[in-house]
């Protein structure tokens, strides 16, 4: 059983201005639920979590929750909001009233786009995070490696909030040992907080163009050591991954980069952690249990 904890969908004409950056031509087209379903069928993935795609507009939440309502494999949606807006509670309530609102499982802000490495320390942001915790939802951290220390402080200050670190905090895999050295300590500091889980996602796009699974392996091994399989989950980051690999290629790369694991541990990474962290079981038809 495989659950993809992190993928996107978009129609560029609806305001995804970041797609206009040079070098992103392969991404500059619509990616629809039908495209997703074809990829899942080809790779044997049973369920997914659809994550906001950088449009940074509340209309995207209505679109994505509607997609989830109509697309059986999409088990949950992580929607965008401005966590420092002062209107977090109202935004969550509005999202939950939308069609498919029962499939809202988490929220995300584009923290990686903030120049301030201490953005998560701001009082208005901390208040927004507390409201997300009160609503019983997850907060996905899409941050740069230099923002990891502020994430550590946020996790310590808000033990009641479930944080999910996207893309392992975006280490510079393309820099090899130097990137590993700068990232390892703040990453381990964040892993020390039990209210944080992490996604083995977005790694191929942080690697050099001529990457191989061997380039990912040191970072994946640190993640397994620090978080353990029970707090790690697979994410394809499709279609962003197309900058380096297709959907099956990303899955194969992670399988090759992982250290030897027992069947139960592999189940946690490829399904169990996502099901548990996002509370996906029971939102649709019952999800099969993992190995005993």
C-alpha atoms as a PDB file:
ATOM      1  CA  UNK A   1       0.000   0.000   0.000  1.00  0.00           C
ATOM      2  CA  UNK A   2       1.292   3.456  -0.931  1.00  0.00           C
ATOM      3  CA  UNK A   3      -0.050   6.882   0.072  1.00  0.00           C
ATOM      4  CA  UNK A   4       1.474   9.896  -1.655  1.00  0.00           C
ATOM      5  CA  UNK A   5       1.502  12.583   1.044  1.00  0.00           C
ATOM      6  CA  UNK A   6       2.468  15.478  -1.213  1.00  0.00           C
ATOM      7  CA  UNK A   7       1.473  16.406  -4.747  1.00  0.00           C
ATOM      8  CA  UNK A   8       0.013  19.386  -6.567  1.00  0.00           C
ATOM      9  CA  UNK A   9      -2.454  20.236  -9.305  1.00  0.00           C
ATOM     10  CA  UNK A  10      -2.752  23.517 -11.174  1.00  0.00           C
ATOM     11  CA  UNK A  11      -3.934  25.454 -14.170  1.00  0.00           C
ATOM     12  CA  UNK A  12      -1.260  28.088 -14.888  1.00  0.00           C
ATOM     13  CA  UNK A  13      -3.738  30.680 -16.136  1.00  0.00           C
ATOM     14  CA  UNK A  14      -5.351  30.855 -12.682  1.00  0.00           C
ATOM     15  CA  UNK A  15      -2.517  32.798 -11.109  1.00  0.00           C
ATOM     16  CA  UNK A  16       0.505  30.543 -10.613  1.00  0.00           C
ATOM     17  CA  UNK A  17       2.925  33.324 -11.469  1.00  0.00           C
ATOM     18  CA  UNK A  18       5.963  31.411 -10.166  1.00  0.00           C
ATOM     19  CA  UNK A  19       5.609  29.111 -13.170  1.00  0.00           C
ATOM     20  CA  UNK A  20       6.850  31.986 -15.356  1.00  0.00           C
ATOM     21  CA  UNK A  21      10.380  31.630 -13.972  1.00  0.00           C
ATOM     22  CA  UNK A  22      13.003  30.433 -16.478  1.00  0.00           C
ATOM     23  CA  UNK A  23      13.611  26.707 -16.672  1.00  0.00           C
ATOM     24  CA  UNK A  24      10.100  25.666 -15.634  1.00  0.00           C
ATOM     25  CA  UNK A  25       8.706  25.105 -19.113  1.00  0.00           C
ATOM     26  CA  UNK A  26       7.884  21.437 -18.413  1.00  0.00           C
ATOM     27  CA  UNK A  27       5.577  22.556 -15.599  1.00  0.00           C
ATOM     28  CA  UNK A  28       3.866  25.323 -17.523  1.00  0.00           C
ATOM     29  CA  UNK A  29       0.720  23.416 -18.452  1.00  0.00           C
ATOM     30  CA  UNK A  30      -2.420  22.232 -16.664  1.00  0.00           C
ATOM     31  CA  UNK A  31      -2.102  19.244 -14.332  1.00  0.00           C
ATOM     32  CA  UNK A  32      -5.582  17.921 -13.619  1.00  0.00           C
ATOM     33  CA  UNK A  33      -7.193  15.227 -11.468  1.00  0.00           C
ATOM     34  CA  UNK A  34      -7.379  13.070 -14.586  1.00  0.00           C
ATOM     35  CA  UNK A  35      -3.614  13.402 -15.077  1.00  0.00           C
ATOM     36  CA  UNK A  36      -3.083  12.491 -11.433  1.00  0.00           C
ATOM     37  CA  UNK A  37      -5.310   9.429 -11.629  1.00  0.00           C
ATOM     38  CA  UNK A  38      -3.362   8.140 -14.627  1.00  0.00           C
ATOM     39  CA  UNK A  39      -0.074   8.447 -12.693  1.00  0.00           C
ATOM     40  CA  UNK A  40      -1.516   6.701  -9.641  1.00  0.00           C
ATOM     41  CA  UNK A  41      -2.879   3.840 -11.705  1.00  0.00           C
ATOM     42  CA  UNK A  42       0.464   3.355 -13.433  1.00  0.00           C
ATOM     43  CA  UNK A  43       2.438   3.284 -10.158  1.00  0.00           C
ATOM     44  CA  UNK A  44      -0.016   1.485  -7.872  1.00  0.00           C
ATOM     45  CA  UNK A  45      -0.509   4.386  -5.457  1.00  0.00           C
ATOM     46  CA  UNK A  46      -3.833   4.063  -3.619  1.00  0.00           C
ATOM     47  CA  UNK A  47      -4.335   7.510  -2.087  1.00  0.00           C
ATOM     48  CA  UNK A  48      -2.904  11.013  -1.954  1.00  0.00           C
ATOM     49  CA  UNK A  49      -2.800  14.347  -0.159  1.00  0.00           C
ATOM     50  CA  UNK A  50      -3.248  17.355  -2.446  1.00  0.00           C
ATOM     51  CA  UNK A  51      -1.149  20.343  -1.305  1.00  0.00           C
ATOM     52  CA  UNK A  52      -1.536  24.010  -2.200  1.00  0.00           C
ATOM     53  CA  UNK A  53       0.619  25.005  -5.137  1.00  0.00           C
ATOM     54  CA  UNK A  54       1.854  28.529  -4.543  1.00  0.00           C
ATOM     55  CA  UNK A  55      -1.126  30.393  -5.967  1.00  0.00           C
ATOM     56  CA  UNK A  56      -1.585  32.029  -2.549  1.00  0.00           C
ATOM     57  CA  UNK A  57      -5.277  32.783  -3.019  1.00  0.00           C
ATOM     58  CA  UNK A  58      -8.240  31.353  -1.087  1.00  0.00           C
ATOM     59  CA  UNK A  59     -10.043  30.478  -4.323  1.00  0.00           C
ATOM     60  CA  UNK A  60      -7.565  27.638  -4.735  1.00  0.00           C
ATOM     61  CA  UNK A  61      -8.944  25.960  -1.606  1.00  0.00           C
ATOM     62  CA  UNK A  62     -12.441  25.842  -3.081  1.00  0.00           C
ATOM     63  CA  UNK A  63     -11.065  24.373  -6.297  1.00  0.00           C
ATOM     64  CA  UNK A  64      -8.929  21.766  -4.549  1.00  0.00           C
ATOM     65  CA  UNK A  65     -11.578  20.666  -2.065  1.00  0.00           C
ATOM     66  CA  UNK A  66     -13.924  20.250  -5.026  1.00  0.00           C
ATOM     67  CA  UNK A  67     -11.328  18.127  -6.776  1.00  0.00           C
ATOM     68  CA  UNK A  68     -11.034  15.990  -3.656  1.00  0.00           C
ATOM     69  CA  UNK A  69     -14.785  15.583  -3.394  1.00  0.00           C
ATOM     70  CA  UNK A  70     -14.896  14.295  -6.981  1.00  0.00           C
ATOM     71  CA  UNK A  71     -11.635  12.267  -7.063  1.00  0.00           C
ATOM     72  CA  UNK A  72     -11.648   9.169  -4.871  1.00  0.00           C
ATOM     73  CA  UNK A  73      -7.851   8.754  -4.483  1.00  0.00           C
ATOM     74  CA  UNK A  74      -7.474  12.285  -3.050  1.00  0.00           C
ATOM     75  CA  UNK A  75      -7.970  11.558   0.647  1.00  0.00           C
ATOM     76  CA  UNK A  76      -7.187  15.026   1.977  1.00  0.00           C
ATOM     77  CA  UNK A  77      -6.234  18.596   1.083  1.00  0.00           C
ATOM     78  CA  UNK A  78      -3.604  20.888   2.591  1.00  0.00           C
ATOM     79  CA  UNK A  79      -4.912  24.332   1.650  1.00  0.00           C
ATOM     80  CA  UNK A  80      -3.204  27.710   1.555  1.00  0.00           C
ATOM     81  CA  UNK A  81      -3.752  30.477   4.060  1.00  0.00           C
ATOM     82  CA  UNK A  82      -1.843  33.502   5.286  1.00  0.00           C
ATOM     83  CA  UNK A  83      -0.870  32.312   8.762  1.00  0.00           C
ATOM     84  CA  UNK A  84      -0.018  35.836   9.885  1.00  0.00           C
ATOM     85  CA  UNK A  85      -3.177  37.493   8.600  1.00  0.00           C
ATOM     86  CA  UNK A  86      -5.079  37.647  11.880  1.00  0.00           C
ATOM     87  CA  UNK A  87      -7.992  35.873  10.184  1.00  0.00           C
ATOM     88  CA  UNK A  88      -6.887  32.253  10.449  1.00  0.00           C
ATOM     89  CA  UNK A  89      -9.919  31.011  12.398  1.00  0.00           C
ATOM     90  CA  UNK A  90     -12.359  32.668  10.027  1.00  0.00           C
ATOM     91  CA  UNK A  91     -10.535  31.307   6.996  1.00  0.00           C
ATOM     92  CA  UNK A  92     -10.604  27.758   8.350  1.00  0.00           C
ATOM     93  CA  UNK A  93     -14.321  28.016   9.120  1.00  0.00           C
ATOM     94  CA  UNK A  94     -14.974  29.251   5.584  1.00  0.00           C
ATOM     95  CA  UNK A  95     -12.973  26.425   4.031  1.00  0.00           C
ATOM     96  CA  UNK A  96     -14.873  23.860   6.044  1.00  0.00           C
ATOM     97  CA  UNK A  97     -18.177  25.180   4.701  1.00  0.00           C
ATOM     98  CA  UNK A  98     -17.075  24.559   1.116  1.00  0.00           C
ATOM     99  CA  UNK A  99     -18.017  21.476  -0.875  1.00  0.00           C
ATOM    100  CA  UNK A 100     -15.447  18.889   0.127  1.00  0.00           C
ATOM    101  CA  UNK A 101     -14.625  20.847   3.283  1.00  0.00           C
ATOM    102  CA  UNK A 102     -14.637  17.660   5.331  1.00  0.00           C
ATOM    103  CA  UNK A 103     -11.483  16.654   3.411  1.00  0.00           C
ATOM    104  CA  UNK A 104      -9.486  19.627   4.701  1.00  0.00           C
ATOM    105  CA  UNK A 105      -6.633  18.033   6.679  1.00  0.00           C
ATOM    106  CA  UNK A 106      -4.013  20.762   6.896  1.00  0.00           C
ATOM    107  CA  UNK A 107      -2.868  24.248   5.989  1.00  0.00           C
ATOM    108  CA  UNK A 108       0.253  25.777   4.517  1.00  0.00           C
ATOM    109  CA  UNK A 109       1.759  29.226   4.020  1.00  0.00           C
ATOM    110  CA  UNK A 110       4.591  29.935   1.611  1.00  0.00           C
ATOM    111  CA  UNK A 111       7.083  30.550   4.409  1.00  0.00           C
ATOM    112  CA  UNK A 112       9.970  29.730   2.061  1.00  0.00           C
ATOM    113  CA  UNK A 113       9.149  32.948   0.201  1.00  0.00           C
ATOM    114  CA  UNK A 114       9.694  35.112   3.289  1.00  0.00           C
ATOM    115  CA  UNK A 115      13.122  36.750   3.368  1.00  0.00           C
ATOM    116  CA  UNK A 116      13.099  36.792   7.178  1.00  0.00           C
ATOM    117  CA  UNK A 117      14.606  33.503   8.449  1.00  0.00           C
ATOM    118  CA  UNK A 118      12.790  34.118  11.756  1.00  0.00           C
ATOM    119  CA  UNK A 119       9.349  34.623  10.216  1.00  0.00           C
ATOM    120  CA  UNK A 120       7.832  31.836  12.326  1.00  0.00           C
ATOM    121  CA  UNK A 121       8.810  33.742  15.485  1.00  0.00           C
ATOM    122  CA  UNK A 122       6.536  36.685  14.730  1.00  0.00           C
ATOM    123  CA  UNK A 123       3.706  37.108  17.293  1.00  0.00           C
ATOM    124  CA  UNK A 124       0.974  37.257  14.654  1.00  0.00           C
ATOM    125  CA  UNK A 125       2.296  34.061  13.055  1.00  0.00           C
ATOM    126  CA  UNK A 126       2.411  32.258  16.388  1.00  0.00           C
ATOM    127  CA  UNK A 127      -1.213  33.303  17.030  1.00  0.00           C
ATOM    128  CA  UNK A 128      -2.201  31.926  13.639  1.00  0.00           C
ATOM    129  CA  UNK A 129      -0.424  28.650  14.331  1.00  0.00           C
ATOM    130  CA  UNK A 130      -2.240  28.355  17.659  1.00  0.00           C
ATOM    131  CA  UNK A 131      -5.573  28.768  15.860  1.00  0.00           C
ATOM    132  CA  UNK A 132      -4.638  25.971  13.451  1.00  0.00           C
ATOM    133  CA  UNK A 133      -3.888  23.741  16.433  1.00  0.00           C
ATOM    134  CA  UNK A 134      -7.239  24.637  18.022  1.00  0.00           C
ATOM    135  CA  UNK A 135      -8.974  23.639  14.781  1.00  0.00           C
ATOM    136  CA  UNK A 136      -7.342  20.205  14.940  1.00  0.00           C
ATOM    137  CA  UNK A 137      -5.479  20.623  11.663  1.00  0.00           C
ATOM    138  CA  UNK A 138      -1.880  20.061  10.584  1.00  0.00           C
ATOM    139  CA  UNK A 139       0.497  22.849   9.533  1.00  0.00           C
ATOM    140  CA  UNK A 140       2.852  21.986   6.676  1.00  0.00           C
ATOM    141  CA  UNK A 141       6.221  23.734   6.874  1.00  0.00           C
ATOM    142  CA  UNK A 142       7.537  24.624   3.441  1.00  0.00           C
ATOM    143  CA  UNK A 143      10.769  26.287   4.523  1.00  0.00           C
ATOM    144  CA  UNK A 144      14.382  26.727   3.493  1.00  0.00           C
ATOM    145  CA  UNK A 145      17.178  25.091   5.418  1.00  0.00           C
ATOM    146  CA  UNK A 146      18.120  28.462   6.987  1.00  0.00           C
ATOM    147  CA  UNK A 147      14.580  28.714   8.420  1.00  0.00           C
ATOM    148  CA  UNK A 148      14.856  25.426  10.321  1.00  0.00           C
ATOM    149  CA  UNK A 149      15.951  27.080  13.605  1.00  0.00           C
ATOM    150  CA  UNK A 150      12.794  29.203  13.724  1.00  0.00           C
ATOM    151  CA  UNK A 151      10.739  26.062  13.026  1.00  0.00           C
ATOM    152  CA  UNK A 152      12.436  24.427  16.023  1.00  0.00           C
ATOM    153  CA  UNK A 153      11.345  27.318  18.236  1.00  0.00           C
ATOM    154  CA  UNK A 154       7.787  27.183  16.886  1.00  0.00           C
ATOM    155  CA  UNK A 155       7.519  23.433  17.492  1.00  0.00           C
ATOM    156  CA  UNK A 156       8.784  23.908  21.037  1.00  0.00           C
ATOM    157  CA  UNK A 157       6.344  26.762  21.725  1.00  0.00           C
ATOM    158  CA  UNK A 158       3.309  24.932  20.267  1.00  0.00           C
ATOM    159  CA  UNK A 159       3.496  21.270  21.318  1.00  0.00           C
ATOM    160  CA  UNK A 160      -0.233  20.930  20.654  1.00  0.00           C
ATOM    161  CA  UNK A 161       0.206  21.638  16.928  1.00  0.00           C
ATOM    162  CA  UNK A 162       1.131  18.879  14.486  1.00  0.00           C
ATOM    163  CA  UNK A 163       3.842  20.206  12.161  1.00  0.00           C
ATOM    164  CA  UNK A 164       4.857  18.456   8.945  1.00  0.00           C
ATOM    165  CA  UNK A 165       8.218  19.395   7.460  1.00  0.00           C
ATOM    166  CA  UNK A 166       7.925  19.359   3.676  1.00  0.00           C
ATOM    167  CA  UNK A 167      10.873  18.177   1.575  1.00  0.00           C
ATOM    168  CA  UNK A 168      13.063  17.582   4.681  1.00  0.00           C
ATOM    169  CA  UNK A 169      13.510  21.353   4.910  1.00  0.00           C
ATOM    170  CA  UNK A 170      15.005  21.634   1.411  1.00  0.00           C
ATOM    171  CA  UNK A 171      18.646  20.704   2.043  1.00  0.00           C
ATOM    172  CA  UNK A 172      21.134  21.568  -0.696  1.00  0.00           C
ATOM    173  CA  UNK A 173      21.581  18.046  -1.987  1.00  0.00           C
ATOM    174  CA  UNK A 174      23.350  19.440  -5.041  1.00  0.00           C
ATOM    175  CA  UNK A 175      26.184  20.598  -2.740  1.00  0.00           C
ATOM    176  CA  UNK A 176      26.847  17.087  -1.436  1.00  0.00           C
ATOM    177  CA  UNK A 177      28.756  16.850   1.839  1.00  0.00           C
ATOM    178  CA  UNK A 178      28.734  20.622   2.388  1.00  0.00           C
ATOM    179  CA  UNK A 179      24.946  20.770   2.047  1.00  0.00           C
ATOM    180  CA  UNK A 180      24.588  17.805   4.374  1.00  0.00           C
ATOM    181  CA  UNK A 181      26.831  19.403   6.999  1.00  0.00           C
ATOM    182  CA  UNK A 182      24.917  22.718   7.117  1.00  0.00           C
ATOM    183  CA  UNK A 183      21.520  21.032   7.266  1.00  0.00           C
ATOM    184  CA  UNK A 184      22.098  18.096   9.597  1.00  0.00           C
ATOM    185  CA  UNK A 185      22.188  19.847  13.014  1.00  0.00           C
ATOM    186  CA  UNK A 186      19.111  22.122  12.711  1.00  0.00           C
ATOM    187  CA  UNK A 187      17.233  19.236  11.101  1.00  0.00           C
ATOM    188  CA  UNK A 188      18.080  16.988  14.070  1.00  0.00           C
ATOM    189  CA  UNK A 189      17.008  19.757  16.457  1.00  0.00           C
ATOM    190  CA  UNK A 190      13.598  19.846  14.797  1.00  0.00           C
ATOM    191  CA  UNK A 191      13.305  16.061  14.788  1.00  0.00           C
ATOM    192  CA  UNK A 192      13.744  16.100  18.573  1.00  0.00           C
ATOM    193  CA  UNK A 193      10.205  17.473  18.899  1.00  0.00           C
ATOM    194  CA  UNK A 194       7.593  14.674  18.828  1.00  0.00           C
ATOM    195  CA  UNK A 195       4.909  16.943  17.330  1.00  0.00           C
ATOM    196  CA  UNK A 196       6.870  17.134  14.052  1.00  0.00           C
ATOM    197  CA  UNK A 197       6.845  14.637  11.199  1.00  0.00           C
ATOM    198  CA  UNK A 198       8.688  14.986   7.894  1.00  0.00           C
ATOM    199  CA  UNK A 199       8.153  14.228   4.234  1.00  0.00           C
ATOM    200  CA  UNK A 200      10.631  12.372   2.085  1.00  0.00           C
ATOM    201  CA  UNK A 201       9.535  14.549  -0.806  1.00  0.00           C
ATOM    202  CA  UNK A 202      10.988  17.157  -3.126  1.00  0.00           C
ATOM    203  CA  UNK A 203      14.475  15.676  -2.870  1.00  0.00           C
ATOM    204  CA  UNK A 204      15.197  15.106  -6.549  1.00  0.00           C
ATOM    205  CA  UNK A 205      14.654  18.794  -7.332  1.00  0.00           C
ATOM    206  CA  UNK A 206      17.224  19.768  -4.691  1.00  0.00           C
ATOM    207  CA  UNK A 207      19.768  17.458  -6.326  1.00  0.00           C
ATOM    208  CA  UNK A 208      22.041  18.259  -9.267  1.00  0.00           C
ATOM    209  CA  UNK A 209      20.680  17.638 -12.792  1.00  0.00           C
ATOM    210  CA  UNK A 210      22.799  14.495 -13.121  1.00  0.00           C
ATOM    211  CA  UNK A 211      21.604  13.106  -9.758  1.00  0.00           C
ATOM    212  CA  UNK A 212      21.328   9.469  -8.772  1.00  0.00           C
ATOM    213  CA  UNK A 213      19.742   7.766  -5.730  1.00  0.00           C
ATOM    214  CA  UNK A 214      23.233   7.684  -4.191  1.00  0.00           C
ATOM    215  CA  UNK A 215      23.110  11.492  -3.949  1.00  0.00           C
ATOM    216  CA  UNK A 216      19.882  11.309  -1.935  1.00  0.00           C
ATOM    217  CA  UNK A 217      20.989   8.472   0.331  1.00  0.00           C
ATOM    218  CA  UNK A 218      22.991  10.429   2.966  1.00  0.00           C
ATOM    219  CA  UNK A 219      20.071  12.817   3.515  1.00  0.00           C
ATOM    220  CA  UNK A 220      17.498  10.026   3.611  1.00  0.00           C
ATOM    221  CA  UNK A 221      19.598   8.046   6.084  1.00  0.00           C
ATOM    222  CA  UNK A 222      19.860  11.056   8.415  1.00  0.00           C
ATOM    223  CA  UNK A 223      16.081  11.491   8.193  1.00  0.00           C
ATOM    224  CA  UNK A 224      15.451   7.844   9.068  1.00  0.00           C
ATOM    225  CA  UNK A 225      17.878   8.040  11.986  1.00  0.00           C
ATOM    226  CA  UNK A 226      16.472  11.277  13.417  1.00  0.00           C
ATOM    227  CA  UNK A 227      12.736  10.849  12.829  1.00  0.00           C
ATOM    228  CA  UNK A 228      12.331   7.088  12.525  1.00  0.00           C
ATOM    229  CA  UNK A 229       9.924   5.499  10.022  1.00  0.00           C
ATOM    230  CA  UNK A 230       6.927   6.295  12.258  1.00  0.00           C
ATOM    231  CA  UNK A 231       7.435  10.029  11.615  1.00  0.00           C
ATOM    232  CA  UNK A 232       8.431   9.948   7.949  1.00  0.00           C
ATOM    233  CA  UNK A 233       6.216   9.784   4.885  1.00  0.00           C
ATOM    234  CA  UNK A 234       6.667   9.457   1.152  1.00  0.00           C
ATOM    235  CA  UNK A 235       5.651  12.326  -1.099  1.00  0.00           C
ATOM    236  CA  UNK A 236       6.121  12.509  -4.857  1.00  0.00           C
ATOM    237  CA  UNK A 237       6.017  16.314  -5.183  1.00  0.00           C
ATOM    238  CA  UNK A 238       4.520  15.627  -8.609  1.00  0.00           C
ATOM    239  CA  UNK A 239       4.450  17.474 -10.972  1.00  0.00           C
ATOM    240  CA  UNK A 240       7.318  19.628  -9.629  1.00  0.00           C
ATOM    241  CA  UNK A 241       9.424  16.450  -9.657  1.00  0.00           C
ATOM    242  CA  UNK A 242       9.253  16.478 -13.468  1.00  0.00           C
ATOM    243  CA  UNK A 243      12.150  18.929 -13.377  1.00  0.00           C
ATOM    244  CA  UNK A 244      14.311  15.905 -12.511  1.00  0.00           C
ATOM    245  CA  UNK A 245      12.256  12.694 -12.757  1.00  0.00           C
ATOM    246  CA  UNK A 246       8.840  11.297 -13.611  1.00  0.00           C
ATOM    247  CA  UNK A 247       6.427   9.959 -10.990  1.00  0.00           C
ATOM    248  CA  UNK A 248       7.643   6.322 -11.107  1.00  0.00           C
ATOM    249  CA  UNK A 249      11.240   7.558 -11.077  1.00  0.00           C
ATOM    250  CA  UNK A 250      10.741   9.465  -7.827  1.00  0.00           C
ATOM    251  CA  UNK A 251       9.208   6.417  -6.170  1.00  0.00           C
ATOM    252  CA  UNK A 252      12.031   4.167  -7.350  1.00  0.00           C
ATOM    253  CA  UNK A 253      14.641   6.682  -6.203  1.00  0.00           C
ATOM    254  CA  UNK A 254      13.314   6.779  -2.648  1.00  0.00           C
ATOM    255  CA  UNK A 255      13.073   3.005  -2.486  1.00  0.00           C
ATOM    256  CA  UNK A 256      16.710   2.812  -3.594  1.00  0.00           C
ATOM    257  CA  UNK A 257      17.886   5.538  -1.190  1.00  0.00           C
ATOM    258  CA  UNK A 258      16.308   4.049   1.942  1.00  0.00           C
ATOM    259  CA  UNK A 259      18.442   1.922   4.263  1.00  0.00           C
ATOM    260  CA  UNK A 260      17.366  -1.690   4.915  1.00  0.00           C
ATOM    261  CA  UNK A 261      14.048  -1.663   6.782  1.00  0.00           C
ATOM    262  CA  UNK A 262      11.539  -4.200   8.044  1.00  0.00           C
ATOM    263  CA  UNK A 263       8.230  -4.497   6.218  1.00  0.00           C
ATOM    264  CA  UNK A 264       6.409  -2.666   9.022  1.00  0.00           C
ATOM    265  CA  UNK A 265       8.871   0.219   8.860  1.00  0.00           C
ATOM    266  CA  UNK A 266       8.479   0.531   5.100  1.00  0.00           C
ATOM    267  CA  UNK A 267       4.704   0.504   5.553  1.00  0.00           C
ATOM    268  CA  UNK A 268       4.982   3.459   7.916  1.00  0.00           C
ATOM    269  CA  UNK A 269       6.976   5.514   5.411  1.00  0.00           C
ATOM    270  CA  UNK A 270       4.844   4.636   2.402  1.00  0.00           C
ATOM    271  CA  UNK A 271       1.411   4.747   4.061  1.00  0.00           C
ATOM    272  CA  UNK A 272       1.053   4.553   7.828  1.00  0.00           C
ATOM    273  CA  UNK A 273       2.578   7.880   8.827  1.00  0.00           C
ATOM    274  CA  UNK A 274       0.510   9.836   6.312  1.00  0.00           C
ATOM    275  CA  UNK A 275      -2.697   8.063   7.297  1.00  0.00           C
ATOM    276  CA  UNK A 276      -2.075   8.787  10.960  1.00  0.00           C
ATOM    277  CA  UNK A 277      -0.673  12.326  10.727  1.00  0.00           C
ATOM    278  CA  UNK A 278      -3.403  13.659   8.459  1.00  0.00           C
ATOM    279  CA  UNK A 279      -6.120  11.447   9.982  1.00  0.00           C
ATOM    280  CA  UNK A 280      -7.007  10.146   6.517  1.00  0.00           C
ATOM    281  CA  UNK A 281      -8.629   6.824   7.445  1.00  0.00           C
ATOM    282  CA  UNK A 282     -12.398   7.016   7.500  1.00  0.00           C
ATOM    283  CA  UNK A 283     -12.721  10.190   5.434  1.00  0.00           C
ATOM    284  CA  UNK A 284     -13.757   7.982   2.522  1.00  0.00           C
ATOM    285  CA  UNK A 285     -14.097   4.226   2.251  1.00  0.00           C
ATOM    286  CA  UNK A 286     -12.140   2.321   4.915  1.00  0.00           C
ATOM    287  CA  UNK A 287      -8.412   2.205   4.189  1.00  0.00           C
ATOM    288  CA  UNK A 288      -6.816  -1.239   4.501  1.00  0.00           C
ATOM    289  CA  UNK A 289      -4.725  -1.788   7.612  1.00  0.00           C
ATOM    290  CA  UNK A 290      -0.982  -2.247   7.355  1.00  0.00           C
ATOM    291  CA  UNK A 291       1.039  -5.340   8.148  1.00  0.00           C
ATOM    292  CA  UNK A 292       0.821  -6.715  11.692  1.00  0.00           C
END
